C-alpha atoms as a PDB file:
ATOM      1  CA  MET A   1       7.127  26.667  17.777  1.00  0.00           C
ATOM      2  CA  ALA A   2       5.013  23.333  17.813  1.00  0.00           C
ATOM      3  CA  VAL A   3       5.650  20.794  15.265  1.00  0.00           C
ATOM      4  CA  ASP A   4       2.861  19.225  13.491  1.00  0.00           C
ATOM      5  CA  ARG A   5       3.950  15.448  13.618  1.00  0.00           C
ATOM      6  CA  ASP A   6       1.148  14.643  10.808  1.00  0.00           C
ATOM      7  CA  HIS A   7       2.914  17.381   8.489  1.00  0.00           C
ATOM      8  CA  VAL A   8       6.232  15.923   9.152  1.00  0.00           C
ATOM      9  CA  LEU A   9       4.999  12.318   8.774  1.00  0.00           C
ATOM     10  CA  ARG A  10       3.288  13.241   5.299  1.00  0.00           C
ATOM     11  CA  SER A  11       6.336  15.425   4.083  1.00  0.00           C
ATOM     12  CA  ALA A  12       8.605  12.381   4.965  1.00  0.00           C
ATOM     13  CA  ALA A  13       6.152  10.036   2.999  1.00  0.00           C
ATOM     14  CA  ALA A  14       6.239  12.345  -0.010  1.00  0.00           C
ATOM     15  CA  LEU A  15       9.887  12.450  -0.178  1.00  0.00           C
ATOM     16  CA  LEU A  16      10.716   8.837   0.695  1.00  0.00           C
ATOM     17  CA  THR A  17       8.211   7.592  -2.014  1.00  0.00           C
ATOM     18  CA  ARG A  18      10.165   9.535  -4.591  1.00  0.00           C
ATOM     19  CA  LYS A  19      13.640   8.893  -3.030  1.00  0.00           C
ATOM     20  CA  SER A  20      13.583   5.963  -0.722  1.00  0.00           C
ATOM     21  CA  THR A  21      17.441   6.490   0.035  1.00  0.00           C
ATOM     22  CA  ALA A  22      16.710  10.196   1.407  1.00  0.00           C
ATOM     23  CA  THR A  23      18.641  11.037   4.307  1.00  0.00           C
ATOM     24  CA  MET A  24      17.333  12.244   7.604  1.00  0.00           C
ATOM     25  CA  ASP A  25      18.711  15.726   6.878  1.00  0.00           C
ATOM     26  CA  GLU A  26      16.750  15.578   3.637  1.00  0.00           C
ATOM     27  CA  VAL A  27      13.396  14.456   5.318  1.00  0.00           C
ATOM     28  CA  ALA A  28      13.940  17.479   7.753  1.00  0.00           C
ATOM     29  CA  LYS A  29      14.260  19.863   5.000  1.00  0.00           C
ATOM     30  CA  ALA A  30      11.423  18.568   3.397  1.00  0.00           C
ATOM     31  CA  ALA A  31       9.220  19.092   6.395  1.00  0.00           C
ATOM     32  CA  GLY A  32      10.530  22.368   6.929  1.00  0.00           C
ATOM     33  CA  ILE A  33      12.257  21.699  10.233  1.00  0.00           C
ATOM     34  CA  SER A  34      15.762  21.214  11.635  1.00  0.00           C
ATOM     35  CA  ARG A  35      17.325  17.602  11.951  1.00  0.00           C
ATOM     36  CA  ALA A  36      17.330  18.222  15.774  1.00  0.00           C
ATOM     37  CA  THR A  37      13.695  18.706  15.696  1.00  0.00           C
ATOM     38  CA  LEU A  38      13.055  15.834  13.642  1.00  0.00           C
ATOM     39  CA  HIS A  39      15.347  13.505  15.828  1.00  0.00           C
ATOM     40  CA  ARG A  40      13.302  14.749  18.816  1.00  0.00           C
ATOM     41  CA  HIS A  41      10.263  13.295  17.345  1.00  0.00           C
ATOM     42  CA  PHE A  42      11.734  10.128  15.532  1.00  0.00           C
ATOM     43  CA  ALA A  43      14.877   8.910  17.116  1.00  0.00           C
ATOM     44  CA  GLY A  44      16.384   7.637  13.800  1.00  0.00           C
ATOM     45  CA  ARG A  45      15.262   6.443  10.452  1.00  0.00           C
ATOM     46  CA  ASP A  46      13.699   3.048  11.849  1.00  0.00           C
ATOM     47  CA  ALA A  47      11.572   5.265  14.063  1.00  0.00           C
ATOM     48  CA  LEU A  48      10.479   7.275  11.296  1.00  0.00           C
ATOM     49  CA  VAL A  49       9.646   4.174   9.010  1.00  0.00           C
ATOM     50  CA  ARG A  50       7.773   2.557  11.769  1.00  0.00           C
ATOM     51  CA  ALA A  51       5.690   5.822  12.126  1.00  0.00           C
ATOM     52  CA  LEU A  52       5.359   5.856   8.460  1.00  0.00           C
ATOM     53  CA  GLU A  53       4.063   2.133   8.765  1.00  0.00           C
ATOM     54  CA  SER A  54       1.398   3.215  11.181  1.00  0.00           C
ATOM     55  CA  LEU A  55       0.281   5.952   8.943  1.00  0.00           C
ATOM     56  CA  CYS A  56       0.054   3.620   5.982  1.00  0.00           C
ATOM     57  CA  LEU A  57      -1.644   0.918   7.836  1.00  0.00           C
ATOM     58  CA  ALA A  58      -4.430   3.303   9.011  1.00  0.00           C
ATOM     59  CA  GLU A  59      -4.776   4.698   5.670  1.00  0.00           C
ATOM     60  CA  CYS A  60      -5.051   1.323   4.015  1.00  0.00           C
ATOM     61  CA  GLU A  61      -7.508   0.185   6.736  1.00  0.00           C
ATOM     62  CA  ALA A  62      -9.502   3.105   5.680  1.00  0.00           C
ATOM     63  CA  ALA A  63      -9.291   2.139   2.055  1.00  0.00           C
ATOM     64  CA  LEU A  64     -10.498  -1.206   2.819  1.00  0.00           C
ATOM     65  CA  ASP A  65     -13.529   0.166   4.716  1.00  0.00           C
ATOM     66  CA  ALA A  66     -14.366   2.583   1.987  1.00  0.00           C
ATOM     67  CA  ALA A  67     -14.212  -0.218  -0.793  1.00  0.00           C
ATOM     68  CA  ARG A  68     -17.078  -2.108   1.050  1.00  0.00           C
ATOM     69  CA  LEU A  69     -15.342  -5.392   0.116  1.00  0.00           C
ATOM     70  CA  ASP A  70     -18.290  -7.473   1.161  1.00  0.00           C
ATOM     71  CA  GLU A  71     -20.753  -5.740  -1.356  1.00  0.00           C
ATOM     72  CA  GLY A  72     -21.444  -6.754  -5.017  1.00  0.00           C
ATOM     73  CA  SER A  73     -19.223  -8.891  -7.073  1.00  0.00           C
ATOM     74  CA  ALA A  74     -15.592  -9.569  -6.014  1.00  0.00           C
ATOM     75  CA  SER A  75     -14.447  -8.046  -9.082  1.00  0.00           C
ATOM     76  CA  ASP A  76     -16.231  -4.841  -8.492  1.00  0.00           C
ATOM     77  CA  ALA A  77     -14.959  -5.074  -5.037  1.00  0.00           C
ATOM     78  CA  VAL A  78     -11.241  -5.360  -6.212  1.00  0.00           C
ATOM     79  CA  ARG A  79     -11.887  -2.342  -8.517  1.00  0.00           C
ATOM     80  CA  ARG A  80     -13.238  -0.179  -5.573  1.00  0.00           C
ATOM     81  CA  LEU A  81     -10.248  -1.404  -3.542  1.00  0.00           C
ATOM     82  CA  VAL A  82      -7.627  -0.192  -5.830  1.00  0.00           C
ATOM     83  CA  ARG A  83      -9.279   2.963  -6.407  1.00  0.00           C
ATOM     84  CA  GLU A  84      -9.463   3.741  -2.744  1.00  0.00           C
ATOM     85  CA  ILE A  85      -6.003   2.845  -2.082  1.00  0.00           C
ATOM     86  CA  GLU A  86      -4.419   4.753  -4.765  1.00  0.00           C
ATOM     87  CA  PRO A  87      -3.837   7.807  -2.568  1.00  0.00           C
ATOM     88  CA  ALA A  88      -1.690   5.544  -0.337  1.00  0.00           C
ATOM     89  CA  ALA A  89      -0.059   3.723  -3.196  1.00  0.00           C
ATOM     90  CA  GLY A  90       3.201   5.609  -3.108  1.00  0.00           C
ATOM     91  CA  LEU A  91       3.623   5.105   0.640  1.00  0.00           C
ATOM     92  CA  LEU A  92       2.624   1.529   0.496  1.00  0.00           C
ATOM     93  CA  SER A  93       5.131   1.067  -2.442  1.00  0.00           C
ATOM     94  CA  PHE A  94       7.881   2.491  -0.209  1.00  0.00           C
ATOM     95  CA  LEU A  95       7.196   0.243   2.848  1.00  0.00           C
ATOM     96  CA  TYR A  96       6.717  -2.714   0.596  1.00  0.00           C
ATOM     97  CA  SER A  97      10.517  -2.598   0.121  1.00  0.00           C
ATOM     98  CA  GLU A  98      11.443  -1.932   3.708  1.00  0.00           C
ATOM     99  CA  ASN A  99      12.332  -5.464   4.609  1.00  0.00           C
ATOM    100  CA  GLN A 100      12.761  -4.810   8.298  1.00  0.00           C
ATOM    101  CA  LEU A 101       9.035  -4.339   8.670  1.00  0.00           C
ATOM    102  CA  PHE A 102       8.336  -7.814   7.766  1.00  0.00           C
ATOM    103  CA  GLU A 103      11.024  -9.758   9.420  1.00  0.00           C
ATOM    104  CA  GLY A 104      11.230 -10.980  13.026  1.00  0.00           C
ATOM    105  CA  GLU A 105       9.162 -10.393  16.138  1.00  0.00           C
ATOM    106  CA  GLU A 106       8.634  -6.679  15.766  1.00  0.00           C
ATOM    107  CA  GLN A 107       6.468  -7.141  12.693  1.00  0.00           C
ATOM    108  CA  ASN A 108       3.279  -4.880  13.049  1.00  0.00           C
ATOM    109  CA  GLU A 109       0.037  -7.072  13.167  1.00  0.00           C
ATOM    110  CA  GLY A 110      -1.591  -4.516  11.221  1.00  0.00           C
ATOM    111  CA  TRP A 111      -0.194  -6.179   7.930  1.00  0.00           C
ATOM    112  CA  ALA A 112      -1.813  -9.429   9.037  1.00  0.00           C
ATOM    113  CA  ARG A 113      -5.064  -7.749   9.461  1.00  0.00           C
ATOM    114  CA  LEU A 114      -4.876  -6.106   5.950  1.00  0.00           C
ATOM    115  CA  ASP A 115      -3.852  -9.423   4.527  1.00  0.00           C
ATOM    116  CA  ALA A 116      -6.586 -11.368   5.951  1.00  0.00           C
ATOM    117  CA  ARG A 117      -9.285  -8.790   4.677  1.00  0.00           C
ATOM    118  CA  VAL A 118      -7.889  -8.801   1.162  1.00  0.00           C
ATOM    119  CA  SER A 119      -7.621 -12.655   1.162  1.00  0.00           C
ATOM    120  CA  ALA A 120     -11.092 -12.911   2.238  1.00  0.00           C
ATOM    121  CA  LEU A 121     -12.229 -10.907  -0.839  1.00  0.00           C
ATOM    122  CA  PHE A 122     -10.399 -13.268  -3.089  1.00  0.00           C
ATOM    123  CA  ARG A 123     -11.562 -16.340  -1.284  1.00  0.00           C
ATOM    124  CA  ARG A 124     -15.217 -14.815  -1.551  1.00  0.00           C
ATOM    125  CA  GLY A 125     -14.436 -14.480  -5.555  1.00  0.00           C
ATOM    126  CA  GLN A 126     -13.318 -18.020  -5.528  1.00  0.00           C
ATOM    127  CA  ASP A 127     -16.338 -19.556  -3.598  1.00  0.00           C
ATOM    128  CA  SER A 128     -18.617 -17.570  -6.098  1.00  0.00           C
ATOM    129  CA  ARG A 129     -16.730 -19.327  -8.771  1.00  0.00           C
ATOM    130  CA  GLU A 130     -15.823 -15.817 -10.154  1.00  0.00           C
ATOM    131  CA  PHE A 131     -12.010 -16.139  -9.592  1.00  0.00           C
ATOM    132  CA  ARG A 132      -9.663 -19.041 -10.271  1.00  0.00           C
ATOM    133  CA  ILE A 133      -9.184 -21.547  -7.570  1.00  0.00           C
ATOM    134  CA  ASP A 134      -5.669 -22.614  -8.549  1.00  0.00           C
ATOM    135  CA  LEU A 135      -4.175 -19.419  -7.265  1.00  0.00           C
ATOM    136  CA  THR A 136      -4.285 -19.025  -3.590  1.00  0.00           C
ATOM    137  CA  PRO A 137      -5.913 -16.032  -1.785  1.00  0.00           C
ATOM    138  CA  ALA A 138      -2.526 -15.251  -0.070  1.00  0.00           C
ATOM    139  CA  TRP A 139      -0.775 -15.347  -3.631  1.00  0.00           C
ATOM    140  CA  LEU A 140      -3.517 -13.009  -4.969  1.00  0.00           C
ATOM    141  CA  THR A 141      -3.102 -10.690  -2.041  1.00  0.00           C
ATOM    142  CA  GLU A 142       0.702 -10.548  -2.495  1.00  0.00           C
ATOM    143  CA  ALA A 143       0.280  -9.961  -6.163  1.00  0.00           C
ATOM    144  CA  LEU A 144      -2.112  -7.129  -5.596  1.00  0.00           C
ATOM    145  CA  TYR A 145       0.333  -5.394  -3.341  1.00  0.00           C
ATOM    146  CA  GLY A 146       3.110  -5.894  -5.842  1.00  0.00           C
ATOM    147  CA  LEU A 147       1.013  -4.532  -8.743  1.00  0.00           C
ATOM    148  CA  ILE A 148       0.090  -1.314  -6.621  1.00  0.00           C
ATOM    149  CA  ALA A 149       3.776  -1.017  -5.796  1.00  0.00           C
ATOM    150  CA  ALA A 150       4.567  -1.295  -9.404  1.00  0.00           C
ATOM    151  CA  GLY A 151       1.900   0.888 -10.553  1.00  0.00           C
ATOM    152  CA  ALA A 152       3.067   3.772  -7.912  1.00  0.00           C
ATOM    153  CA  TRP A 153       6.660   3.392  -9.022  1.00  0.00           C
ATOM    154  CA  SER A 154       5.619   3.409 -12.860  1.00  0.00           C
ATOM    155  CA  VAL A 155       3.481   6.775 -12.291  1.00  0.00           C
ATOM    156  CA  HIS A 156       6.185   8.352 -10.299  1.00  0.00           C
ATOM    157  CA  ASP A 157       8.858   7.600 -12.900  1.00  0.00           C
ATOM    158  CA  GLY A 158       6.475   8.939 -15.754  1.00  0.00           C
ATOM    159  CA  LYS A 159       6.330   5.402 -17.477  1.00  0.00           C
ATOM    160  CA  VAL A 160       2.598   5.552 -17.296  1.00  0.00           C
ATOM    161  CA  ALA A 161      -0.105   8.282 -16.639  1.00  0.00           C
ATOM    162  CA  ALA A 162      -1.562   8.551 -13.259  1.00  0.00           C
ATOM    163  CA  LYS A 163      -4.888   8.289 -14.840  1.00  0.00           C
ATOM    164  CA  ASP A 164      -4.179   4.816 -15.996  1.00  0.00           C
ATOM    165  CA  PHE A 165      -3.067   3.471 -12.437  1.00  0.00           C
ATOM    166  CA  GLN A 166      -6.323   1.714 -11.633  1.00  0.00           C
ATOM    167  CA  THR A 167      -7.072   0.352 -15.017  1.00  0.00           C
ATOM    168  CA  MET A 168      -3.538  -1.144 -15.408  1.00  0.00           C
ATOM    169  CA  ILE A 169      -3.669  -2.833 -11.826  1.00  0.00           C
ATOM    170  CA  VAL A 170      -7.225  -4.062 -12.126  1.00  0.00           C
ATOM    171  CA  GLU A 171      -7.016  -5.492 -15.634  1.00  0.00           C
ATOM    172  CA  LEU A 172      -3.851  -7.425 -15.122  1.00  0.00           C
ATOM    173  CA  LEU A 173      -4.818  -8.777 -11.799  1.00  0.00           C
ATOM    174  CA  LEU A 174      -8.390  -9.807 -12.751  1.00  0.00           C
ATOM    175  CA  GLY A 175      -7.366 -10.745 -16.370  1.00  0.00           C
ATOM    176  CA  GLY A 176      -5.126 -13.417 -14.715  1.00  0.00           C
ATOM    177  CA  ALA A 177      -7.224 -14.255 -11.626  1.00  0.00           C
ATOM    178  CA  LEU A 178     -10.699 -14.815 -13.604  1.00  0.00           C
ATOM    179  CA  ARG A 179     -11.999 -18.143 -13.911  1.00  0.00           C
ATOM    180  CA  ARG A 180     -12.083 -19.448 -17.482  1.00  0.00           C
ATOM    181  CA  GLU A 181     -14.763 -21.566 -18.624  1.00  0.00           C
ATOM    182  CA  GLU A 182     -13.533 -25.069 -19.401  1.00  0.00           C
ATOM    183  CA  SER A 183     -14.238 -26.196 -23.011  1.00  0.00           C
END
């Protein structure tokens, strides 16, 4: 029986976003395969996490494309970005806490590409005098990732309604990033 790698990855993502400490046995069970079959596709947890990283990066790149970051106001582009990235938020929140992905020489350059695109959006908002200039684009990018992760965790834990995900993130981020008129 052929194993659908995408199904295994999506099953693993669904489980690990709910239970980040899940064992490989639990991942295999969630995917409906044996542990041996899982290990034939992913030598261990690190290989699985790296494959999930690739999946997440592809989904985030697609979200950035769909959000049309260069169109309209920067605020509207941030709103579109949060809306488009929401389906990947759980996986992004899981990976955001996987420190080994962001340390050392094996860091996937896909993260830098995402950072550059999102930072460019914030820089565009600053250049148009829409966003404050005392917060760096790099900081605003990290803050956005942190809010997406917090939003995903809060929805998962039932602390907030899923329908409020976008509003919570955008309003908090932009409420703190919007330039204030000087009096």
